[in-house]
């Protein structure tokens, strides 16, 4: 009798833990919901919605195979596992690996305790092409740059998909185990259901739906991925990241299918297809790398990988952070992205890069704050990927953005939203703004603003900082960082990756925590402010095409003064799917719990 512990591997196909258990006798599949053990990284509202739908789908699939999925709400995962094992007289526990710092510690403690009690415990790889301990440089050390890591991975052989779905499962008789329904898990409360209902009109969670979405992408969209992925509007990339996060889709299947497409397109001399496949595999590689970094450097969810960055004087300004979250920074592309994130739980990867760069470079907000907000609000919230992305943007990785790099939001706007349709969709107060001024309304003549119904500072904010002021603040902060580093003698002038034991504690930010007695009440959510003539979280899409008037000279170079071109190497494996626009939110709270350093 084997207990199969499901976590973020909510599928039947290519599930090594389930396959192993099915071969050896009767099976008890379980899912344990223990949010208290997640600490400050409890899933946000939209992520919990996806989890609920995925569990319903998995429960139905397992029932068709002959086994009931037990859902358990507990305060201790270990206690719940022990109850399950004793309740069915099991002598074996199987599960698939997770690689985030919280799960790694918990899994180690659970395995150690069960082995002491004489219970066999086996764990498997279900979500990576390569285990983090399988890929090292010639010196036996972990890689700290993506290109070197991925080149090494591509030299290795990946295992074939050998874990076929079981034809049937032998259920085990259950005694004295307290289980519950999916509703009583508390993944969704009544105040959230109206907003969540809109998600179901755009997304279909569940492992078999993941398979359909993947096949559609491979057959219809992969060939154009390299050019479509830079478009910030529309369904321009794979839309697979939520399925991958919850383990509804096998990454081995994804990788091997795309490799086969490469072979076909190479024979057909399809250059565009080959380029698209290469870009998509690189996105899969970045997902692998995020797990690799988190496993080998488990402090990266709260401290930078580069030693020098611990001396950076971040500006823990809650008002600036709130303006960024609510999409009222005065920079239209940034504000549009943040309002879309709040309204839908989703933004294109390019927009994620733009808004996160603005947060850490323009506002000097600690990158940990932005990462935590992404975790609370994204439908595909993924701790390892968010860590990699935010460390990359903040210059905390050896191959990340240069620390002094600052991209101009208005130039990015004309580059990635040249007609302003994306901005008009999410900032309806700017709907009548001419394309020429849509990404920098503060420069527009008063007559233009009046015709567009814009009163800067009233129904749309003035820029929170001028670009030149923001750049001066960034350069001053870098200077202070270097002075602090030299004074402390804690690091060499070269950027060096240090071991966790050498790392000083990240500074604690004196901020007010949101009071939230109910962990499921979405207290981390906030409504986008309604400003005079403008909208809330969403808007009506504007389909009318407008003239493509750009800021010619600046856009030619796609750079701001002393700045850099906007290009991200942190591509996600999926991007924006447009859910129906909600009419409002289930929560009206404007508070956000700023992440605290764990002790």
Protein backbone atom coordinates (compact mmCIF):
# COMPACT_ATOMS: atom_id res chain seq x y z
CA UNK A 1 0.00 0.00 0.00
CA UNK A 2 1.46 3.28 -1.16
CA UNK A 3 0.49 6.86 -0.34
CA UNK A 4 0.97 9.15 -3.35
CA UNK A 5 1.45 12.74 -2.19
CA UNK A 6 0.40 15.20 -4.91
CA UNK A 7 1.73 18.77 -4.79
CA UNK A 8 2.58 20.72 -7.95
CA UNK A 9 2.40 17.63 -10.16
CA UNK A 10 -1.34 17.60 -10.78
CA UNK A 11 -1.40 15.28 -13.78
CA UNK A 12 -1.79 11.62 -14.69
CA UNK A 13 0.57 11.53 -17.68
CA UNK A 14 4.34 11.30 -17.09
CA UNK A 15 3.95 11.32 -13.33
CA UNK A 16 6.76 9.06 -12.05
CA UNK A 17 5.53 8.94 -8.45
CA UNK A 18 2.05 7.84 -9.49
CA UNK A 19 3.39 5.36 -12.05
CA UNK A 20 5.72 3.77 -9.50
CA UNK A 21 2.93 3.39 -6.94
CA UNK A 22 0.49 1.95 -9.47
CA UNK A 23 2.88 -0.87 -10.35
CA UNK A 24 3.33 -2.11 -6.81
CA UNK A 25 -0.17 -2.50 -5.34
CA UNK A 26 -2.99 -0.38 -3.93
CA UNK A 27 -2.74 3.39 -4.03
CA UNK A 28 -3.96 6.21 -1.80
CA UNK A 29 -3.65 9.56 -3.67
CA UNK A 30 -3.71 12.58 -1.36
CA UNK A 31 -3.38 16.35 -1.56
CA UNK A 32 -2.61 18.29 1.63
CA UNK A 33 -3.46 21.99 1.90
CA UNK A 34 -1.37 23.55 4.66
CA UNK A 35 -1.09 27.29 3.92
CA UNK A 36 0.42 28.13 7.32
CA UNK A 37 3.60 26.30 6.39
CA UNK A 38 4.07 28.54 3.36
CA UNK A 39 4.68 31.56 5.58
CA UNK A 40 4.61 34.81 3.60
CA UNK A 41 4.42 32.83 0.34
CA UNK A 42 0.85 31.62 0.60
CA UNK A 43 -0.67 31.62 -2.90
CA UNK A 44 -2.68 34.65 -3.98
CA UNK A 45 -6.32 34.71 -5.03
CA UNK A 46 -6.00 33.86 -8.72
CA UNK A 47 -3.37 31.20 -8.06
CA UNK A 48 -5.65 29.57 -5.52
CA UNK A 49 -8.50 29.64 -8.05
CA UNK A 50 -6.36 27.74 -10.55
CA UNK A 51 -5.33 25.21 -7.89
CA UNK A 52 -8.96 24.57 -6.98
CA UNK A 53 -9.99 23.92 -10.58
CA UNK A 54 -6.97 21.72 -11.18
CA UNK A 55 -7.75 19.60 -8.11
CA UNK A 56 -11.33 19.11 -9.27
CA UNK A 57 -10.00 17.95 -12.64
CA UNK A 58 -7.43 15.59 -11.10
CA UNK A 59 -9.98 14.18 -8.65
CA UNK A 60 -12.27 13.27 -11.54
CA UNK A 61 -9.44 11.68 -13.52
CA UNK A 62 -8.25 9.54 -10.61
CA UNK A 63 -11.81 8.44 -9.88
CA UNK A 64 -12.16 7.25 -13.48
CA UNK A 65 -9.02 5.17 -12.93
CA UNK A 66 -10.44 3.63 -9.77
CA UNK A 67 -8.94 5.69 -6.95
CA UNK A 68 -10.28 8.55 -4.83
CA UNK A 69 -8.12 11.64 -4.31
CA UNK A 70 -8.26 12.54 -0.61
CA UNK A 71 -8.18 16.27 0.07
CA UNK A 72 -6.86 17.20 3.49
CA UNK A 73 -6.67 20.57 5.21
CA UNK A 74 -4.06 20.51 7.94
CA UNK A 75 -1.89 22.64 10.18
CA UNK A 76 1.02 20.20 9.83
CA UNK A 77 1.88 18.33 6.65
CA UNK A 78 3.90 15.77 8.58
CA UNK A 79 1.01 15.00 10.93
CA UNK A 80 -1.39 14.66 8.00
CA UNK A 81 0.98 12.27 6.21
CA UNK A 82 1.36 10.16 9.35
CA UNK A 83 -2.42 9.98 9.73
CA UNK A 84 -2.80 8.83 6.13
CA UNK A 85 -0.07 6.22 6.42
CA UNK A 86 -1.49 4.76 9.63
CA UNK A 87 -5.08 5.05 8.37
CA UNK A 88 -4.48 2.65 5.47
CA UNK A 89 -1.60 0.67 6.91
CA UNK A 90 0.73 1.95 4.20
CA UNK A 91 4.42 1.10 4.26
CA UNK A 92 5.52 3.52 1.54
CA UNK A 93 5.24 7.20 0.60
CA UNK A 94 6.06 8.53 -2.87
CA UNK A 95 6.12 12.10 -4.17
CA UNK A 96 7.75 14.26 -6.83
CA UNK A 97 10.46 16.80 -6.06
CA UNK A 98 9.99 20.51 -5.51
CA UNK A 99 12.94 22.92 -5.53
CA UNK A 100 11.87 26.14 -3.80
CA UNK A 101 13.59 26.81 -0.45
CA UNK A 102 10.47 26.23 1.69
CA UNK A 103 9.65 22.88 0.07
CA UNK A 104 13.23 21.63 0.10
CA UNK A 105 13.51 22.13 3.88
CA UNK A 106 10.06 20.67 4.57
CA UNK A 107 10.61 17.62 2.35
CA UNK A 108 13.94 16.87 4.00
CA UNK A 109 12.45 17.01 7.49
CA UNK A 110 9.47 14.85 6.49
CA UNK A 111 11.62 12.24 4.79
CA UNK A 112 14.00 12.10 7.75
CA UNK A 113 11.16 11.61 10.24
CA UNK A 114 9.35 8.92 8.21
CA UNK A 115 12.53 6.95 7.60
CA UNK A 116 13.16 6.99 11.35
CA UNK A 117 9.72 5.42 11.78
CA UNK A 118 10.57 2.66 9.32
CA UNK A 119 8.48 3.97 6.44
CA UNK A 120 9.94 3.76 2.94
CA UNK A 121 10.07 7.15 1.20
CA UNK A 122 10.85 7.61 -2.48
CA UNK A 123 10.94 10.87 -4.42
CA UNK A 124 11.11 11.44 -8.16
CA UNK A 125 11.79 14.10 -10.77
CA UNK A 126 8.60 15.14 -12.54
CA UNK A 127 9.17 18.81 -13.40
CA UNK A 128 12.71 19.24 -14.73
CA UNK A 129 14.79 18.03 -17.64
CA UNK A 130 17.85 17.94 -15.40
CA UNK A 131 18.10 17.73 -11.64
CA UNK A 132 19.92 20.73 -10.07
CA UNK A 133 22.68 18.46 -8.76
CA UNK A 134 23.34 16.96 -12.20
CA UNK A 135 24.71 20.09 -13.92
CA UNK A 136 28.00 21.62 -12.75
CA UNK A 137 30.94 23.35 -14.37
CA UNK A 138 34.32 21.71 -14.92
CA UNK A 139 35.34 22.69 -11.40
CA UNK A 140 32.37 20.92 -9.87
CA UNK A 141 30.69 24.22 -8.92
CA UNK A 142 27.18 25.40 -9.87
CA UNK A 143 26.87 27.75 -12.83
CA UNK A 144 25.96 31.37 -12.12
CA UNK A 145 25.23 32.50 -15.70
CA UNK A 146 22.38 31.17 -17.79
CA UNK A 147 24.15 30.80 -21.13
CA UNK A 148 26.90 28.61 -19.67
CA UNK A 149 24.33 26.55 -17.77
CA UNK A 150 22.06 26.01 -20.78
CA UNK A 151 24.93 25.15 -23.11
CA UNK A 152 25.98 22.47 -20.64
CA UNK A 153 22.41 21.16 -20.41
CA UNK A 154 22.08 20.86 -24.17
CA UNK A 155 25.20 18.66 -24.20
CA UNK A 156 23.48 16.20 -21.84
CA UNK A 157 20.90 13.60 -22.75
CA UNK A 158 17.36 14.03 -21.46
CA UNK A 159 15.37 11.02 -20.36
CA UNK A 160 12.53 9.85 -22.57
CA UNK A 161 8.90 10.09 -21.50
CA UNK A 162 8.72 6.67 -19.90
CA UNK A 163 5.92 7.16 -17.39
CA UNK A 164 2.73 6.41 -19.27
CA UNK A 165 -0.61 7.02 -17.55
CA UNK A 166 -1.75 3.99 -15.55
CA UNK A 167 -4.64 2.07 -17.12
CA UNK A 168 -6.24 1.67 -13.73
CA UNK A 169 -5.50 2.10 -10.04
CA UNK A 170 -6.20 -0.24 -7.15
CA UNK A 171 -7.86 1.84 -4.49
CA UNK A 172 -7.11 1.24 -0.83
CA UNK A 173 -9.66 1.09 1.97
CA UNK A 174 -9.48 4.18 4.13
CA UNK A 175 -10.06 4.25 7.87
CA UNK A 176 -9.90 7.10 10.37
CA UNK A 177 -8.63 9.75 7.95
CA UNK A 178 -10.28 13.15 8.10
CA UNK A 179 -10.68 14.40 4.54
CA UNK A 180 -12.74 17.24 3.10
CA UNK A 181 -14.33 18.47 -0.11
CA UNK A 182 -12.55 20.84 -2.43
CA UNK A 183 -14.90 23.62 -1.29
CA UNK A 184 -14.02 23.12 2.37
CA UNK A 185 -10.29 23.46 1.62
CA UNK A 186 -10.97 27.21 1.63
CA UNK A 187 -9.15 27.97 -1.62
CA UNK A 188 -11.86 30.46 -2.57
CA UNK A 189 -14.18 32.52 -0.38
CA UNK A 190 -17.56 33.94 -1.32
CA UNK A 191 -16.26 37.47 -1.89
CA UNK A 192 -13.82 36.18 -4.52
CA UNK A 193 -16.17 34.03 -6.58
CA UNK A 194 -17.59 36.79 -8.79
CA UNK A 195 -14.13 37.92 -9.89
CA UNK A 196 -12.89 34.35 -10.22
CA UNK A 197 -15.83 33.38 -12.42
CA UNK A 198 -14.39 35.61 -15.14
CA UNK A 199 -11.15 33.63 -15.10
CA UNK A 200 -13.05 30.50 -16.06
CA UNK A 201 -14.20 32.15 -19.27
CA UNK A 202 -10.60 32.58 -20.40
CA UNK A 203 -8.70 29.67 -18.87
CA UNK A 204 -9.27 25.92 -18.52
CA UNK A 205 -7.11 24.46 -15.73
CA UNK A 206 -6.48 20.73 -15.51
CA UNK A 207 -3.96 18.32 -16.99
CA UNK A 208 -6.03 17.20 -20.01
CA UNK A 209 -6.80 20.84 -20.84
CA UNK A 210 -3.08 21.56 -20.56
CA UNK A 211 -2.48 18.88 -23.17
CA UNK A 212 -5.01 20.50 -25.52
CA UNK A 213 -3.48 23.96 -25.03
CA UNK A 214 -0.01 22.58 -25.68
CA UNK A 215 -1.03 20.77 -28.86
CA UNK A 216 -2.75 23.88 -30.18
CA UNK A 217 0.36 25.96 -29.53
CA UNK A 218 2.68 23.44 -31.18
CA UNK A 219 0.55 23.02 -34.29
CA UNK A 220 -0.68 26.57 -34.78
CA UNK A 221 1.53 29.09 -33.01
CA UNK A 222 5.05 27.80 -32.36
CA UNK A 223 6.24 28.55 -35.89
CA UNK A 224 5.55 32.29 -35.37
CA UNK A 225 6.71 32.42 -31.75
CA UNK A 226 9.91 34.40 -32.42
CA UNK A 227 8.04 37.36 -33.91
CA UNK A 228 4.77 37.13 -31.98
CA UNK A 229 6.37 36.99 -28.53
CA UNK A 230 7.40 40.67 -28.65
CA UNK A 231 3.79 41.87 -29.07
CA UNK A 232 2.41 43.04 -25.74
CA UNK A 233 -1.22 42.76 -26.83
CA UNK A 234 -3.17 39.67 -27.83
CA UNK A 235 -2.39 36.00 -27.41
CA UNK A 236 1.16 36.23 -28.64
CA UNK A 237 2.96 33.37 -26.91
CA UNK A 238 2.37 29.89 -25.58
CA UNK A 239 0.08 30.56 -22.57
CA UNK A 240 1.52 27.45 -20.91
CA UNK A 241 3.18 28.82 -17.77
CA UNK A 242 0.24 28.19 -15.36
CA UNK A 243 0.02 24.60 -16.59
CA UNK A 244 3.75 24.14 -16.09
CA UNK A 245 3.71 25.71 -12.63
CA UNK A 246 1.02 23.37 -11.33
CA UNK A 247 2.59 20.36 -12.99
CA UNK A 248 -0.36 19.78 -15.31
CA UNK A 249 2.01 19.58 -18.26
CA UNK A 250 5.19 17.52 -18.47
CA UNK A 251 8.23 19.61 -19.31
CA UNK A 252 9.87 16.51 -20.78
CA UNK A 253 6.98 16.17 -23.20
CA UNK A 254 7.22 19.87 -24.10
CA UNK A 255 10.97 19.70 -24.70
CA UNK A 256 10.94 16.54 -26.78
CA UNK A 257 8.00 17.68 -28.90
CA UNK A 258 9.72 20.96 -29.75
CA UNK A 259 12.97 19.12 -30.53
CA UNK A 260 11.04 16.96 -33.02
CA UNK A 261 9.60 20.11 -34.61
CA UNK A 262 13.14 21.43 -34.96
CA UNK A 263 14.13 18.30 -36.86
CA UNK A 264 11.16 18.66 -39.22
CA UNK A 265 11.78 22.36 -39.83
CA UNK A 266 15.47 21.79 -40.38
CA UNK A 267 14.65 19.30 -43.13
CA UNK A 268 12.17 21.80 -44.60
CA UNK A 269 14.69 24.66 -44.25
CA UNK A 270 12.11 26.62 -42.33
CA UNK A 271 14.32 29.36 -40.87
CA UNK A 272 11.53 31.15 -39.01
CA UNK A 273 10.36 27.89 -37.44
CA UNK A 274 13.89 27.01 -36.32
CA UNK A 275 14.36 30.45 -34.77
CA UNK A 276 11.02 30.17 -32.98
CA UNK A 277 11.82 26.71 -31.62
CA UNK A 278 15.20 27.94 -30.39
CA UNK A 279 13.61 30.91 -28.57
CA UNK A 280 10.98 28.69 -26.99
CA UNK A 281 13.53 26.12 -25.81
CA UNK A 282 15.52 28.96 -24.30
CA UNK A 283 12.39 29.96 -22.37
CA UNK A 284 12.10 26.40 -21.08
CA UNK A 285 15.79 26.59 -20.17
CA UNK A 286 15.21 29.73 -18.10
CA UNK A 287 12.51 27.91 -16.17
CA UNK A 288 15.00 25.11 -15.49
CA UNK A 289 17.63 27.65 -14.48
CA UNK A 290 15.28 29.28 -11.97
CA UNK A 291 15.01 25.95 -10.11
CA UNK A 292 18.73 25.42 -10.44
CA UNK A 293 19.54 28.80 -8.86
CA UNK A 294 17.04 28.38 -6.03
CA UNK A 295 18.32 24.91 -5.17
CA UNK A 296 22.02 25.72 -5.28
CA UNK A 297 21.66 29.19 -3.72
CA UNK A 298 18.65 28.83 -1.38
CA UNK A 299 19.01 32.35 0.04
CA UNK A 300 18.05 34.01 -3.26
CA UNK A 301 14.40 34.56 -2.33
CA UNK A 302 15.53 37.30 0.06
CA UNK A 303 19.16 38.16 -0.73
CA UNK A 304 21.01 39.00 -3.96
CA UNK A 305 23.29 36.47 -5.59
CA UNK A 306 25.96 39.15 -6.04
CA UNK A 307 27.67 40.14 -2.83
CA UNK A 308 27.99 43.85 -3.65
CA UNK A 309 24.22 44.35 -3.96
CA UNK A 310 23.72 43.81 -0.24
CA UNK A 311 25.13 47.33 0.23
CA UNK A 312 22.63 48.98 -2.14
CA UNK A 313 20.59 51.72 -0.37
CA UNK A 314 17.07 50.76 -1.42
CA UNK A 315 14.37 53.37 -0.87
CA UNK A 316 11.68 51.57 1.19
CA UNK A 317 9.03 54.16 0.31
CA UNK A 318 5.55 52.70 0.82
CA UNK A 319 3.80 55.55 -1.01
CA UNK A 320 5.89 55.03 -4.16
CA UNK A 321 5.32 51.28 -3.89
CA UNK A 322 1.57 51.80 -3.61
CA UNK A 323 1.53 54.12 -6.64
CA UNK A 324 3.37 51.46 -8.63
CA UNK A 325 0.98 48.69 -7.52
CA UNK A 326 -2.10 50.74 -8.33
CA UNK A 327 -0.89 51.89 -11.75
CA UNK A 328 -0.64 55.61 -11.04
CA UNK A 329 3.04 56.39 -11.60
CA UNK A 330 2.27 58.80 -14.45
CA UNK A 331 4.06 56.62 -17.01
CA UNK A 332 1.28 55.13 -19.19
CA UNK A 333 2.88 51.84 -20.23
CA UNK A 334 3.89 51.04 -16.65
CA UNK A 335 0.45 51.99 -15.33
CA UNK A 336 -1.34 49.98 -18.02
CA UNK A 337 0.71 46.92 -17.16
CA UNK A 338 0.04 47.17 -13.45
CA UNK A 339 -3.68 47.67 -13.96
CA UNK A 340 -3.85 44.68 -16.28
CA UNK A 341 -2.01 42.61 -13.67
CA UNK A 342 -4.50 43.60 -11.00
CA UNK A 343 -7.57 43.08 -13.21
CA UNK A 344 -6.61 39.75 -14.79
CA UNK A 345 -3.71 38.22 -12.85
CA UNK A 346 -1.76 38.19 -16.10
CA UNK A 347 0.67 40.36 -18.06
CA UNK A 348 2.94 39.69 -21.04
CA UNK A 349 6.52 38.85 -20.15
CA UNK A 350 7.75 42.04 -21.84
CA UNK A 351 5.45 44.09 -19.63
CA UNK A 352 6.65 42.17 -16.56
CA UNK A 353 10.18 43.22 -17.39
CA UNK A 354 9.19 46.85 -17.96
CA UNK A 355 7.19 47.28 -14.75
CA UNK A 356 9.71 45.43 -12.59
CA UNK A 357 12.59 47.48 -14.03
CA UNK A 358 10.65 50.65 -13.27
CA UNK A 359 10.06 49.48 -9.70
CA UNK A 360 13.71 48.84 -8.88
CA UNK A 361 15.52 51.36 -11.11
CA UNK A 362 13.15 54.35 -11.18
CA UNK A 363 11.70 54.02 -7.69
CA UNK A 364 14.59 52.15 -6.02
CA UNK A 365 12.01 49.92 -4.31
CA UNK A 366 13.60 46.73 -2.86
CA UNK A 367 13.27 44.00 -5.47
CA UNK A 368 11.96 41.61 -2.80
CA UNK A 369 8.84 43.78 -2.45
CA UNK A 370 8.09 43.62 -6.16
CA UNK A 371 8.76 39.89 -6.28
CA UNK A 372 6.33 39.31 -3.41
CA UNK A 373 3.65 41.39 -5.12
CA UNK A 374 4.02 39.35 -8.31
CA UNK A 375 3.69 36.21 -6.19
CA UNK A 376 0.46 37.51 -4.66
CA UNK A 377 -1.20 38.61 -7.90
CA UNK A 378 -0.02 36.50 -10.86
CA UNK A 379 -2.12 33.63 -12.15
CA UNK A 380 1.09 31.77 -12.97
CA UNK A 381 2.90 32.94 -9.82
CA UNK A 382 6.03 30.84 -9.55
CA UNK A 383 8.49 31.55 -6.75
CA UNK A 384 11.60 30.29 -8.53
CA UNK A 385 10.83 32.11 -11.79
CA UNK A 386 9.93 35.30 -9.92
CA UNK A 387 13.20 35.14 -7.97
CA UNK A 388 15.19 34.75 -11.18
CA UNK A 389 13.30 37.54 -12.95
CA UNK A 390 13.56 40.11 -10.18
CA UNK A 391 17.20 39.36 -9.40
CA UNK A 392 17.94 39.63 -13.12
CA UNK A 393 16.21 43.01 -13.48
CA UNK A 394 17.76 44.47 -10.32
CA UNK A 395 21.31 43.60 -11.41
CA UNK A 396 21.65 40.98 -8.67
CA UNK A 397 22.83 38.24 -11.06
CA UNK A 398 26.21 38.09 -12.82
CA UNK A 399 24.48 38.08 -16.22
CA UNK A 400 21.57 40.34 -15.25
CA UNK A 401 20.83 43.90 -16.32
CA UNK A 402 23.68 46.29 -15.66
CA UNK A 403 23.10 48.03 -12.35
CA UNK A 404 23.21 51.47 -13.96
CA UNK A 405 20.85 50.51 -16.78
CA UNK A 406 17.67 52.56 -16.85
CA UNK A 407 15.15 52.14 -19.66
CA UNK A 408 12.81 54.98 -20.57
CA UNK A 409 9.15 53.94 -20.23
CA UNK A 410 7.94 56.29 -22.96
CA UNK A 411 10.46 54.93 -25.47
CA UNK A 412 9.54 51.38 -24.53
CA UNK A 413 5.93 52.36 -25.09
CA UNK A 414 6.50 53.52 -28.64
CA UNK A 415 8.63 50.45 -29.32
CA UNK A 416 6.28 47.76 -27.97
CA UNK A 417 2.90 49.55 -28.16
CA UNK A 418 3.45 51.89 -31.12
CA UNK A 419 -0.22 52.71 -31.71
CA UNK A 420 -1.05 52.97 -28.02
CA UNK A 421 -3.81 50.37 -28.16
CA UNK A 422 -2.55 48.49 -25.11
CA UNK A 423 -2.39 51.70 -23.06
CA UNK A 424 -5.86 52.78 -24.20
CA UNK A 425 -7.32 49.41 -23.24
CA UNK A 426 -6.07 49.53 -19.66
CA UNK A 427 -6.04 53.33 -19.12
CA UNK A 428 -9.43 54.40 -20.47
CA UNK A 429 -8.82 57.92 -19.15
CA UNK A 430 -6.22 58.22 -21.95
CA UNK A 431 -8.51 56.71 -24.61
CA UNK A 432 -8.77 59.97 -26.58
CA UNK A 433 -5.10 60.85 -26.35
CA UNK A 434 -3.46 61.12 -29.81
CA UNK A 435 -0.90 58.42 -30.57
CA UNK A 436 1.84 61.05 -30.82
CA UNK A 437 1.47 61.84 -27.11
CA UNK A 438 0.01 58.64 -25.68
CA UNK A 439 3.24 57.51 -24.00
CA UNK A 440 4.30 60.94 -22.68
CA UNK A 441 1.16 63.01 -22.06
CA UNK A 442 3.07 65.46 -19.83
CA UNK A 443 4.74 66.86 -22.96
CA UNK A 444 1.46 67.38 -24.85
CA UNK A 445 0.21 70.94 -25.50
CA UNK A 446 -2.61 72.07 -23.24
CA UNK A 447 -4.98 72.15 -26.21
CA UNK A 448 -4.29 68.47 -26.89
CA UNK A 449 -4.81 67.53 -23.25
CA UNK A 450 -8.06 69.49 -23.14
CA UNK A 451 -9.39 67.82 -26.27
CA UNK A 452 -8.51 64.41 -24.81
CA UNK A 453 -10.23 65.24 -21.52
CA UNK A 454 -6.99 64.95 -19.56
CA UNK A 455 -6.18 67.07 -16.50
CA UNK A 456 -2.77 65.95 -15.33
CA UNK A 457 -2.70 65.56 -11.58
CA UNK A 458 -6.49 65.13 -11.47
CA UNK A 459 -7.73 62.32 -13.71
CA UNK A 460 -4.26 61.07 -14.62
CA UNK A 461 -1.17 61.60 -12.45
CA UNK A 462 1.91 63.57 -13.31
CA UNK A 463 5.09 61.45 -13.57
CA UNK A 464 6.17 60.29 -10.13
CA UNK A 465 9.76 61.21 -11.09
CA UNK A 466 11.26 62.88 -14.12
CA UNK A 467 13.53 60.51 -16.05
CA UNK A 468 16.61 62.65 -15.37
CA UNK A 469 15.80 62.87 -11.66
CA UNK A 470 15.31 59.11 -11.49
CA UNK A 471 18.63 58.53 -13.22
CA UNK A 472 20.42 60.89 -10.83
CA UNK A 473 18.88 59.04 -7.86
CA UNK A 474 20.01 55.69 -9.29
CA UNK A 475 23.57 56.88 -9.91
CA UNK A 476 23.76 58.38 -6.41
CA UNK A 477 22.52 55.09 -4.92
CA UNK A 478 25.18 53.17 -6.85
CA UNK A 479 27.83 55.56 -5.55
CA UNK A 480 26.62 55.05 -1.97
CA UNK A 481 26.64 51.29 -2.49
CA UNK A 482 30.26 51.36 -3.60
CA UNK A 483 31.25 53.56 -0.68
CA UNK A 484 29.49 51.23 1.75
CA UNK A 485 31.16 48.23 0.18
CA UNK A 486 34.61 49.79 0.39
CA UNK A 487 34.08 50.93 3.95
CA UNK A 488 32.92 47.57 5.20
CA UNK A 489 35.65 45.64 3.41
CA UNK A 490 33.04 42.89 3.09
CA UNK A 491 33.57 42.30 -0.61
CA UNK A 492 36.19 42.70 -3.28
CA UNK A 493 35.81 45.25 -6.03
CA UNK A 494 34.92 42.36 -8.37
CA UNK A 495 31.41 40.99 -8.11
CA UNK A 496 31.66 37.62 -6.42
CA UNK A 497 29.05 34.99 -5.70
CA UNK A 498 29.23 34.14 -2.03
CA UNK A 499 28.07 31.22 0.01
CA UNK A 500 24.97 31.56 2.16
CA UNK A 501 27.05 31.25 5.30
CA UNK A 502 29.02 34.37 4.35
CA UNK A 503 25.99 36.47 3.54
CA UNK A 504 24.99 39.21 5.93
CA UNK A 505 21.33 39.57 6.74
CA UNK A 506 19.31 41.60 4.29
CA UNK A 507 18.11 44.84 5.85
CA UNK A 508 14.74 44.86 7.54
CA UNK A 509 12.43 47.53 6.23
CA UNK A 510 10.43 49.41 8.83
CA UNK A 511 6.99 49.11 7.30
CA UNK A 512 3.47 48.44 8.46
CA UNK A 513 2.20 44.93 7.83
CA UNK A 514 -1.36 44.44 6.65
CA UNK A 515 -3.61 43.00 9.32
CA UNK A 516 -5.25 39.87 7.96
CA UNK A 517 -6.75 37.40 10.39
CA UNK A 518 -8.03 35.21 7.57
CA UNK A 519 -5.22 33.99 5.28
CA UNK A 520 -7.74 33.28 2.52
CA UNK A 521 -9.32 36.74 2.45
CA UNK A 522 -7.15 38.21 -0.33
CA UNK A 523 -5.92 41.01 1.89
CA UNK A 524 -2.90 41.46 -0.35
CA UNK A 525 -5.16 42.51 -3.24
CA UNK A 526 -6.11 46.11 -3.86
CA UNK A 527 -8.37 47.88 -6.27
CA UNK A 528 -6.99 50.15 -8.92
CA UNK A 529 -8.03 53.70 -8.02
CA UNK A 530 -10.77 55.40 -9.95
CA UNK A 531 -9.49 58.76 -11.08
CA UNK A 532 -11.89 61.42 -12.25
CA UNK A 533 -12.63 60.63 -15.87
CA UNK A 534 -10.83 57.32 -15.87
CA UNK A 535 -11.34 53.74 -15.13
CA UNK A 536 -10.63 51.12 -12.60
CA UNK A 537 -8.91 47.82 -13.14
CA UNK A 538 -10.04 47.26 -16.68
CA UNK A 539 -11.36 49.07 -19.69
CA UNK A 540 -13.07 48.48 -22.98
CA UNK A 541 -10.61 47.43 -25.68
CA UNK A 542 -10.24 50.05 -28.37
CA UNK A 543 -10.09 48.34 -31.77
CA UNK A 544 -9.93 51.40 -34.01
CA UNK A 545 -6.51 51.75 -35.58
CA UNK A 546 -4.72 55.04 -35.17
CA UNK A 547 -1.83 56.69 -37.03
CA UNK A 548 1.58 55.36 -36.12
CA UNK A 549 3.16 58.66 -35.06
CA UNK A 550 6.30 58.03 -33.05
CA UNK A 551 9.03 60.04 -31.42
CA UNK A 552 11.23 59.42 -34.46
CA UNK A 553 14.68 60.35 -33.31
CA UNK A 554 14.47 58.73 -29.89
CA UNK A 555 12.75 55.62 -31.15
CA UNK A 556 15.41 55.07 -33.81
CA UNK A 557 17.84 54.37 -31.04
CA UNK A 558 15.26 52.92 -28.58
CA UNK A 559 17.31 54.47 -25.80
CA UNK A 560 16.85 57.22 -23.30
CA UNK A 561 19.58 59.60 -22.27
CA UNK A 562 22.58 57.52 -21.17
CA UNK A 563 20.21 54.55 -21.13
CA UNK A 564 20.02 51.19 -22.81
CA UNK A 565 17.85 49.28 -25.21
CA UNK A 566 15.06 47.28 -23.66
CA UNK A 567 15.58 43.59 -24.26
CA UNK A 568 14.96 40.78 -21.85
CA UNK A 569 16.81 37.50 -21.73
CA UNK A 570 14.43 36.39 -19.01
CA UNK A 571 11.78 35.24 -21.45
CA UNK A 572 8.88 33.34 -19.95
CA UNK A 573 7.52 30.22 -21.57
CA UNK A 574 4.19 31.87 -21.98
CA UNK A 575 2.53 35.19 -22.19
CA UNK A 576 -0.61 37.14 -22.30
CA UNK A 577 -4.01 35.60 -22.60
CA UNK A 578 -6.80 38.13 -22.42
CA UNK A 579 -9.50 37.18 -19.96
CA UNK A 580 -12.79 39.06 -20.07
CA UNK A 581 -12.39 42.36 -18.32
CA UNK A 582 -13.84 42.32 -14.80
CA UNK A 583 -16.29 44.96 -13.73
CA UNK A 584 -14.77 45.15 -10.31
CA UNK A 585 -12.91 43.27 -7.68
CA UNK A 586 -14.06 41.19 -4.80
CA UNK A 587 -11.75 43.06 -2.48
CA UNK A 588 -11.45 46.77 -1.85
CA UNK A 589 -8.37 46.65 0.34
CA UNK A 590 -5.47 48.92 -0.44
CA UNK A 591 -2.98 47.28 1.89
CA UNK A 592 -0.06 45.08 1.01
CA UNK A 593 2.05 43.00 3.33
CA UNK A 594 5.64 43.91 2.62
CA UNK A 595 7.81 40.77 2.74
CA UNK A 596 9.77 40.33 5.92
CA UNK A 597 13.08 38.55 6.15
CA UNK A 598 12.73 35.14 7.75
CA UNK A 599 14.85 34.43 10.79
